[in-house]
Amino acid sequence: MDPHLLLGLVNTELRNHAESLEDLCKTHGLDQEALVQRLASVDYEYMSEINQFR
């Protein structure tokens, strides 16, 4: 999946349904480190204080 599309999907899920990145990954059975690395490859990092990738 295109990382920019992934970013939009992940941030929408974080905003609307998940309390944290850990919660999102547990709920959807995702590898948190792989997700973080995938988005880091296009210069986005998770900011826990706003619960979003920026």
C-alpha atoms as a PDB file:
ATOM      1  CA  MET A   1       0.000   0.000   0.000  1.00  0.00           C
ATOM      2  CA  ASP A   2       1.174   3.495  -0.774  1.00  0.00           C
ATOM      3  CA  PRO A   3       2.589   4.932   2.488  1.00  0.00           C
ATOM      4  CA  HIS A   4       0.698   8.210   2.058  1.00  0.00           C
ATOM      5  CA  LEU A   5      -2.604   6.349   1.756  1.00  0.00           C
ATOM      6  CA  LEU A   6      -1.595   4.254   4.753  1.00  0.00           C
ATOM      7  CA  LEU A   7      -0.900   7.450   6.697  1.00  0.00           C
ATOM      8  CA  GLY A   8      -4.413   8.737   6.044  1.00  0.00           C
ATOM      9  CA  LEU A   9      -6.020   5.457   7.061  1.00  0.00           C
ATOM     10  CA  VAL A  10      -3.935   5.124  10.220  1.00  0.00           C
ATOM     11  CA  ASN A  11      -4.472   8.721  11.341  1.00  0.00           C
ATOM     12  CA  THR A  12      -8.220   8.432  10.734  1.00  0.00           C
ATOM     13  CA  GLU A  13      -8.349   5.262  12.812  1.00  0.00           C
ATOM     14  CA  LEU A  14      -6.254   6.875  15.563  1.00  0.00           C
ATOM     15  CA  ARG A  15      -8.496   9.933  15.607  1.00  0.00           C
ATOM     16  CA  ASN A  16     -11.826   8.086  15.545  1.00  0.00           C
ATOM     17  CA  HIS A  17     -11.338   4.736  17.260  1.00  0.00           C
ATOM     18  CA  ALA A  18      -7.977   4.144  18.957  1.00  0.00           C
ATOM     19  CA  GLU A  19      -6.724   5.520  22.247  1.00  0.00           C
ATOM     20  CA  SER A  20      -3.088   5.048  21.179  1.00  0.00           C
ATOM     21  CA  LEU A  21      -0.860   3.508  18.542  1.00  0.00           C
ATOM     22  CA  GLU A  22      -0.515   0.426  20.730  1.00  0.00           C
ATOM     23  CA  ASP A  23      -4.308   0.143  20.970  1.00  0.00           C
ATOM     24  CA  LEU A  24      -4.676   0.473  17.191  1.00  0.00           C
ATOM     25  CA  CYS A  25      -2.083  -2.229  16.539  1.00  0.00           C
ATOM     26  CA  LYS A  26      -3.560  -4.650  19.083  1.00  0.00           C
ATOM     27  CA  THR A  27      -7.084  -4.120  17.770  1.00  0.00           C
ATOM     28  CA  HIS A  28      -6.094  -4.781  14.157  1.00  0.00           C
ATOM     29  CA  GLY A  29      -3.318  -7.326  14.730  1.00  0.00           C
ATOM     30  CA  LEU A  30      -0.628  -5.062  13.290  1.00  0.00           C
ATOM     31  CA  ASP A  31       3.104  -5.156  13.912  1.00  0.00           C
ATOM     32  CA  GLN A  32       3.648  -1.779  15.558  1.00  0.00           C
ATOM     33  CA  GLU A  33       7.352  -1.559  14.735  1.00  0.00           C
ATOM     34  CA  ALA A  34       6.735  -2.410  11.068  1.00  0.00           C
ATOM     35  CA  LEU A  35       4.009   0.247  10.845  1.00  0.00           C
ATOM     36  CA  VAL A  36       6.233   2.884  12.464  1.00  0.00           C
ATOM     37  CA  GLN A  37       9.122   1.984  10.140  1.00  0.00           C
ATOM     38  CA  ARG A  38       6.897   2.038   7.046  1.00  0.00           C
ATOM     39  CA  LEU A  39       5.659   5.550   7.840  1.00  0.00           C
ATOM     40  CA  ALA A  40       9.146   6.691   8.875  1.00  0.00           C
ATOM     41  CA  SER A  41      10.309   5.744   5.381  1.00  0.00           C
ATOM     42  CA  VAL A  42       8.309   8.738   4.109  1.00  0.00           C
ATOM     43  CA  ASP A  43       9.342  11.011   7.008  1.00  0.00           C
ATOM     44  CA  TYR A  44       6.366  10.606   9.345  1.00  0.00           C
ATOM     45  CA  GLU A  45       6.700   9.808  13.017  1.00  0.00           C
ATOM     46  CA  TYR A  46       4.138   9.003  15.668  1.00  0.00           C
ATOM     47  CA  MET A  47       3.466  11.802  18.137  1.00  0.00           C
ATOM     48  CA  SER A  48       1.817  10.302  21.210  1.00  0.00           C
ATOM     49  CA  GLU A  49       0.812  13.692  22.637  1.00  0.00           C
ATOM     50  CA  ILE A  50      -1.578  14.220  19.700  1.00  0.00           C
ATOM     51  CA  ASN A  51      -2.090  10.523  18.832  1.00  0.00           C
ATOM     52  CA  GLN A  52      -1.203  11.089  15.178  1.00  0.00           C
ATOM     53  CA  PHE A  53       1.591  10.556  12.699  1.00  0.00           C
ATOM     54  CA  ARG A  54       3.047  13.841  11.479  1.00  0.00           C
END
